[in-house]
Amino acid sequence: MHPIFAFIDAPIIIGIVALAALLFGADKLPKLARSAGQAKKEFIQGQADADAAAEKARADARERAAAAAADPMDAVSPANAAGQEIPAPTDKGTL
């Protein structure tokens, strides 16, 4: 915990609230608190959206890296590699 919080106790908090009431007026304090809560909610929602977008970007990058590292010849059958039919093996060896 930060050392400055050791000096903040109930009378100081009451003084801060009273000073805020004098500066902003008692009728504006609920609006100010409501807007602060709404700003916090929007910030948390934006942070969650950014985290989801970052996770999707990481997953896409992993998929691209896996696709780049894959051997392109894995998807090609031996018969189609040269573009011609390969004859079946015989007992006599090669043709």
N, C-alpha and C. Protein backbone atom coordinates (compact mmCIF):
# COMPACT_ATOMS: atom_id res chain seq x y z
N MET A 1 0.84 -1.17 0.00
CA MET A 1 0.00 0.00 0.00
C MET A 1 0.89 1.24 0.00
N HIS A 2 0.46 2.25 -0.66
CA HIS A 2 1.25 3.47 -0.79
C HIS A 2 1.28 4.21 0.55
N PRO A 3 2.43 4.79 0.94
CA PRO A 3 2.53 5.46 2.25
C PRO A 3 1.60 6.67 2.39
N ILE A 4 1.21 7.30 1.29
CA ILE A 4 0.33 8.47 1.40
C ILE A 4 -1.04 8.08 1.92
N PHE A 5 -1.46 6.84 1.68
CA PHE A 5 -2.76 6.38 2.15
C PHE A 5 -2.79 6.24 3.68
N ALA A 6 -1.66 6.18 4.29
CA ALA A 6 -1.62 6.08 5.76
C ALA A 6 -2.13 7.37 6.40
N PHE A 7 -2.03 8.49 5.71
CA PHE A 7 -2.47 9.77 6.26
C PHE A 7 -3.93 10.08 5.95
N ILE A 8 -4.53 9.31 5.06
CA ILE A 8 -5.93 9.56 4.70
C ILE A 8 -6.81 8.74 5.63
N ASP A 9 -7.58 9.44 6.46
CA ASP A 9 -8.51 8.76 7.36
C ASP A 9 -9.88 9.43 7.24
N ALA A 10 -10.81 9.08 8.09
CA ALA A 10 -12.20 9.54 7.98
C ALA A 10 -12.35 11.06 7.97
N PRO A 11 -11.69 11.82 8.88
CA PRO A 11 -11.89 13.28 8.84
C PRO A 11 -11.41 13.91 7.53
N ILE A 12 -10.35 13.38 6.96
CA ILE A 12 -9.85 13.94 5.70
C ILE A 12 -10.83 13.64 4.57
N ILE A 13 -11.37 12.43 4.55
CA ILE A 13 -12.34 12.07 3.51
C ILE A 13 -13.60 12.93 3.64
N ILE A 14 -14.06 13.14 4.87
CA ILE A 14 -15.23 14.00 5.09
C ILE A 14 -14.94 15.42 4.62
N GLY A 15 -13.73 15.90 4.88
CA GLY A 15 -13.35 17.24 4.42
C GLY A 15 -13.32 17.35 2.91
N ILE A 16 -12.84 16.32 2.25
CA ILE A 16 -12.79 16.32 0.78
C ILE A 16 -14.21 16.34 0.21
N VAL A 17 -15.10 15.54 0.80
CA VAL A 17 -16.49 15.51 0.33
C VAL A 17 -17.16 16.86 0.57
N ALA A 18 -16.91 17.48 1.72
CA ALA A 18 -17.49 18.79 2.02
C ALA A 18 -16.95 19.85 1.06
N LEU A 19 -15.67 19.81 0.77
CA LEU A 19 -15.07 20.75 -0.18
C LEU A 19 -15.66 20.57 -1.57
N ALA A 20 -15.87 19.32 -1.97
CA ALA A 20 -16.48 19.05 -3.27
C ALA A 20 -17.90 19.56 -3.32
N ALA A 21 -18.63 19.41 -2.22
CA ALA A 21 -20.01 19.92 -2.16
C ALA A 21 -20.03 21.44 -2.28
N LEU A 22 -19.06 22.10 -1.68
CA LEU A 22 -19.00 23.56 -1.79
C LEU A 22 -18.62 24.01 -3.20
N LEU A 23 -17.69 23.30 -3.80
CA LEU A 23 -17.24 23.70 -5.13
C LEU A 23 -18.29 23.41 -6.21
N PHE A 24 -18.86 22.22 -6.19
CA PHE A 24 -19.76 21.81 -7.27
C PHE A 24 -21.23 22.01 -6.93
N GLY A 25 -21.56 22.14 -5.68
CA GLY A 25 -22.96 22.26 -5.28
C GLY A 25 -23.51 20.87 -4.99
N ALA A 26 -24.38 20.80 -4.01
CA ALA A 26 -24.92 19.51 -3.57
C ALA A 26 -25.75 18.84 -4.64
N ASP A 27 -26.41 19.62 -5.51
CA ASP A 27 -27.25 19.01 -6.54
C ASP A 27 -26.43 18.42 -7.68
N LYS A 28 -25.20 18.87 -7.87
CA LYS A 28 -24.38 18.35 -8.97
C LYS A 28 -23.53 17.16 -8.57
N LEU A 29 -23.36 16.91 -7.29
CA LEU A 29 -22.53 15.79 -6.85
C LEU A 29 -23.06 14.43 -7.32
N PRO A 30 -24.37 14.16 -7.22
CA PRO A 30 -24.84 12.86 -7.75
C PRO A 30 -24.61 12.71 -9.24
N LYS A 31 -24.80 13.80 -9.99
CA LYS A 31 -24.53 13.74 -11.44
C LYS A 31 -23.06 13.48 -11.70
N LEU A 32 -22.19 14.13 -10.91
CA LEU A 32 -20.76 13.94 -11.07
C LEU A 32 -20.36 12.50 -10.75
N ALA A 33 -20.93 11.94 -9.68
CA ALA A 33 -20.63 10.55 -9.31
C ALA A 33 -21.17 9.59 -10.37
N ARG A 34 -22.35 9.88 -10.90
CA ARG A 34 -22.95 9.03 -11.93
C ARG A 34 -22.10 9.04 -13.19
N SER A 35 -21.65 10.22 -13.60
CA SER A 35 -20.83 10.31 -14.81
C SER A 35 -19.47 9.64 -14.60
N ALA A 36 -18.93 9.72 -13.38
CA ALA A 36 -17.66 9.04 -13.09
C ALA A 36 -17.85 7.53 -13.15
N GLY A 37 -18.97 7.03 -12.62
CA GLY A 37 -19.26 5.60 -12.69
C GLY A 37 -19.46 5.13 -14.11
N GLN A 38 -20.15 5.94 -14.91
CA GLN A 38 -20.38 5.59 -16.31
C GLN A 38 -19.06 5.59 -17.09
N ALA A 39 -18.19 6.55 -16.80
CA ALA A 39 -16.89 6.59 -17.46
C ALA A 39 -16.06 5.36 -17.11
N LYS A 40 -16.14 4.96 -15.84
CA LYS A 40 -15.41 3.76 -15.41
C LYS A 40 -15.96 2.53 -16.12
N LYS A 41 -17.28 2.42 -16.23
CA LYS A 41 -17.91 1.29 -16.91
C LYS A 41 -17.49 1.24 -18.38
N GLU A 42 -17.50 2.39 -19.05
CA GLU A 42 -17.09 2.45 -20.45
C GLU A 42 -15.62 2.09 -20.61
N PHE A 43 -14.80 2.53 -19.67
CA PHE A 43 -13.38 2.20 -19.73
C PHE A 43 -13.16 0.70 -19.59
N ILE A 44 -13.86 0.07 -18.64
CA ILE A 44 -13.71 -1.37 -18.44
C ILE A 44 -14.21 -2.13 -19.67
N GLN A 45 -15.32 -1.67 -20.26
CA GLN A 45 -15.85 -2.31 -21.47
C GLN A 45 -14.84 -2.17 -22.62
N GLY A 46 -14.28 -1.00 -22.77
CA GLY A 46 -13.28 -0.79 -23.81
C GLY A 46 -12.04 -1.63 -23.60
N GLN A 47 -11.64 -1.78 -22.35
CA GLN A 47 -10.48 -2.60 -22.04
C GLN A 47 -10.78 -4.07 -22.36
N ALA A 48 -11.99 -4.53 -22.05
CA ALA A 48 -12.36 -5.92 -22.37
C ALA A 48 -12.40 -6.13 -23.88
N ASP A 49 -12.91 -5.15 -24.62
CA ASP A 49 -12.94 -5.26 -26.08
C ASP A 49 -11.52 -5.30 -26.65
N ALA A 50 -10.63 -4.47 -26.10
CA ALA A 50 -9.25 -4.46 -26.56
C ALA A 50 -8.55 -5.78 -26.24
N ASP A 51 -8.83 -6.34 -25.07
CA ASP A 51 -8.25 -7.63 -24.71
C ASP A 51 -8.73 -8.72 -25.65
N ALA A 52 -10.02 -8.71 -25.98
CA ALA A 52 -10.57 -9.71 -26.91
C ALA A 52 -9.95 -9.56 -28.30
N ALA A 53 -9.79 -8.33 -28.76
CA ALA A 53 -9.18 -8.09 -30.07
C ALA A 53 -7.72 -8.53 -30.06
N ALA A 54 -7.01 -8.29 -28.98
CA ALA A 54 -5.61 -8.70 -28.90
C ALA A 54 -5.49 -10.22 -28.88
N GLU A 55 -6.39 -10.90 -28.18
CA GLU A 55 -6.36 -12.37 -28.14
C GLU A 55 -6.67 -12.94 -29.52
N LYS A 56 -7.62 -12.34 -30.24
CA LYS A 56 -7.94 -12.80 -31.60
C LYS A 56 -6.75 -12.58 -32.52
N ALA A 57 -6.08 -11.45 -32.37
CA ALA A 57 -4.90 -11.18 -33.20
C ALA A 57 -3.78 -12.18 -32.91
N ARG A 58 -3.60 -12.53 -31.62
CA ARG A 58 -2.58 -13.53 -31.28
C ARG A 58 -2.93 -14.89 -31.85
N ALA A 59 -4.22 -15.26 -31.79
CA ALA A 59 -4.65 -16.55 -32.34
C ALA A 59 -4.46 -16.59 -33.85
N ASP A 60 -4.80 -15.49 -34.51
CA ASP A 60 -4.59 -15.42 -35.97
C ASP A 60 -3.11 -15.51 -36.32
N ALA A 61 -2.27 -14.85 -35.53
CA ALA A 61 -0.82 -14.90 -35.78
C ALA A 61 -0.28 -16.31 -35.58
N ARG A 62 -0.79 -17.01 -34.55
CA ARG A 62 -0.36 -18.40 -34.34
C ARG A 62 -0.78 -19.28 -35.50
N GLU A 63 -2.01 -19.07 -36.02
CA GLU A 63 -2.48 -19.86 -37.16
C GLU A 63 -1.64 -19.58 -38.40
N ARG A 64 -1.32 -18.31 -38.64
CA ARG A 64 -0.48 -17.97 -39.81
C ARG A 64 0.91 -18.56 -39.67
N ALA A 65 1.46 -18.53 -38.46
CA ALA A 65 2.80 -19.10 -38.26
C ALA A 65 2.78 -20.61 -38.46
N ALA A 66 1.71 -21.27 -37.99
CA ALA A 66 1.60 -22.71 -38.18
C ALA A 66 1.44 -23.05 -39.65
N ALA A 67 0.66 -22.23 -40.37
CA ALA A 67 0.48 -22.47 -41.81
C ALA A 67 1.77 -22.23 -42.57
N ALA A 68 2.54 -21.25 -42.16
CA ALA A 68 3.80 -20.96 -42.85
C ALA A 68 4.84 -22.04 -42.56
N ALA A 69 4.78 -22.63 -41.37
CA ALA A 69 5.75 -23.65 -41.00
C ALA A 69 5.38 -25.02 -41.55
N ALA A 70 4.13 -25.19 -41.96
CA ALA A 70 3.69 -26.49 -42.48
C ALA A 70 4.35 -26.76 -43.82
N ASP A 71 4.62 -28.03 -44.09
CA ASP A 71 5.23 -28.44 -45.34
C ASP A 71 4.15 -28.42 -46.42
N PRO A 72 4.34 -27.67 -47.50
CA PRO A 72 3.31 -27.61 -48.53
C PRO A 72 3.12 -28.95 -49.26
N MET A 73 4.11 -29.82 -49.17
CA MET A 73 4.00 -31.11 -49.85
C MET A 73 3.16 -32.11 -49.06
N ASP A 74 2.77 -31.79 -47.84
CA ASP A 74 1.93 -32.69 -47.07
C ASP A 74 0.56 -32.87 -47.71
N ALA A 75 0.08 -31.85 -48.41
CA ALA A 75 -1.24 -31.91 -49.02
C ALA A 75 -1.21 -32.47 -50.43
N VAL A 76 -0.04 -32.81 -50.95
CA VAL A 76 0.08 -33.28 -52.33
C VAL A 76 0.35 -34.77 -52.32
N SER A 77 -0.45 -35.50 -53.09
CA SER A 77 -0.21 -36.95 -53.18
C SER A 77 0.95 -37.19 -54.14
N PRO A 78 1.66 -38.32 -54.01
CA PRO A 78 2.79 -38.58 -54.91
C PRO A 78 2.39 -38.64 -56.37
N ALA A 79 1.18 -39.09 -56.67
CA ALA A 79 0.75 -39.18 -58.07
C ALA A 79 0.57 -37.80 -58.68
N ASN A 80 0.16 -36.85 -57.89
CA ASN A 80 -0.10 -35.51 -58.41
C ASN A 80 1.12 -34.61 -58.34
N ALA A 81 2.18 -35.04 -57.68
CA ALA A 81 3.36 -34.19 -57.53
C ALA A 81 3.99 -33.87 -58.86
N ALA A 82 4.09 -34.87 -59.76
CA ALA A 82 4.70 -34.64 -61.06
C ALA A 82 3.64 -34.37 -62.12
N GLY A 83 2.39 -34.49 -61.76
CA GLY A 83 1.33 -34.23 -62.72
C GLY A 83 1.02 -35.43 -63.59
N GLN A 84 1.49 -36.60 -63.24
CA GLN A 84 1.24 -37.79 -64.05
C GLN A 84 0.93 -38.97 -63.15
N GLU A 85 0.40 -39.99 -63.75
CA GLU A 85 0.08 -41.19 -63.01
C GLU A 85 1.35 -41.95 -62.69
N ILE A 86 1.41 -42.54 -61.53
CA ILE A 86 2.54 -43.38 -61.14
C ILE A 86 2.07 -44.83 -61.23
N PRO A 87 2.78 -45.65 -62.02
CA PRO A 87 2.33 -47.04 -62.15
C PRO A 87 2.51 -47.81 -60.86
N ALA A 88 1.70 -48.85 -60.72
CA ALA A 88 1.81 -49.69 -59.54
C ALA A 88 3.13 -50.43 -59.54
N PRO A 89 3.68 -50.76 -58.39
CA PRO A 89 4.95 -51.46 -58.35
C PRO A 89 4.80 -52.90 -58.91
N THR A 90 5.87 -53.36 -59.49
CA THR A 90 5.89 -54.73 -60.04
C THR A 90 6.94 -55.53 -59.33
N ASP A 91 6.92 -56.87 -59.57
CA ASP A 91 7.90 -57.74 -58.95
C ASP A 91 9.26 -57.63 -59.62
N LYS A 92 9.32 -57.07 -60.81
CA LYS A 92 10.55 -57.04 -61.60
C LYS A 92 11.43 -55.85 -61.23
N GLY A 93 10.99 -55.00 -60.37
CA GLY A 93 11.76 -53.81 -60.03
C GLY A 93 11.25 -52.62 -60.80
N THR A 94 12.15 -51.73 -61.19
CA THR A 94 11.72 -50.52 -61.89
C THR A 94 11.52 -50.80 -63.36
N LEU A 95 10.75 -49.99 -64.02
CA LEU A 95 10.48 -50.14 -65.44
C LEU A 95 11.54 -49.54 -66.29
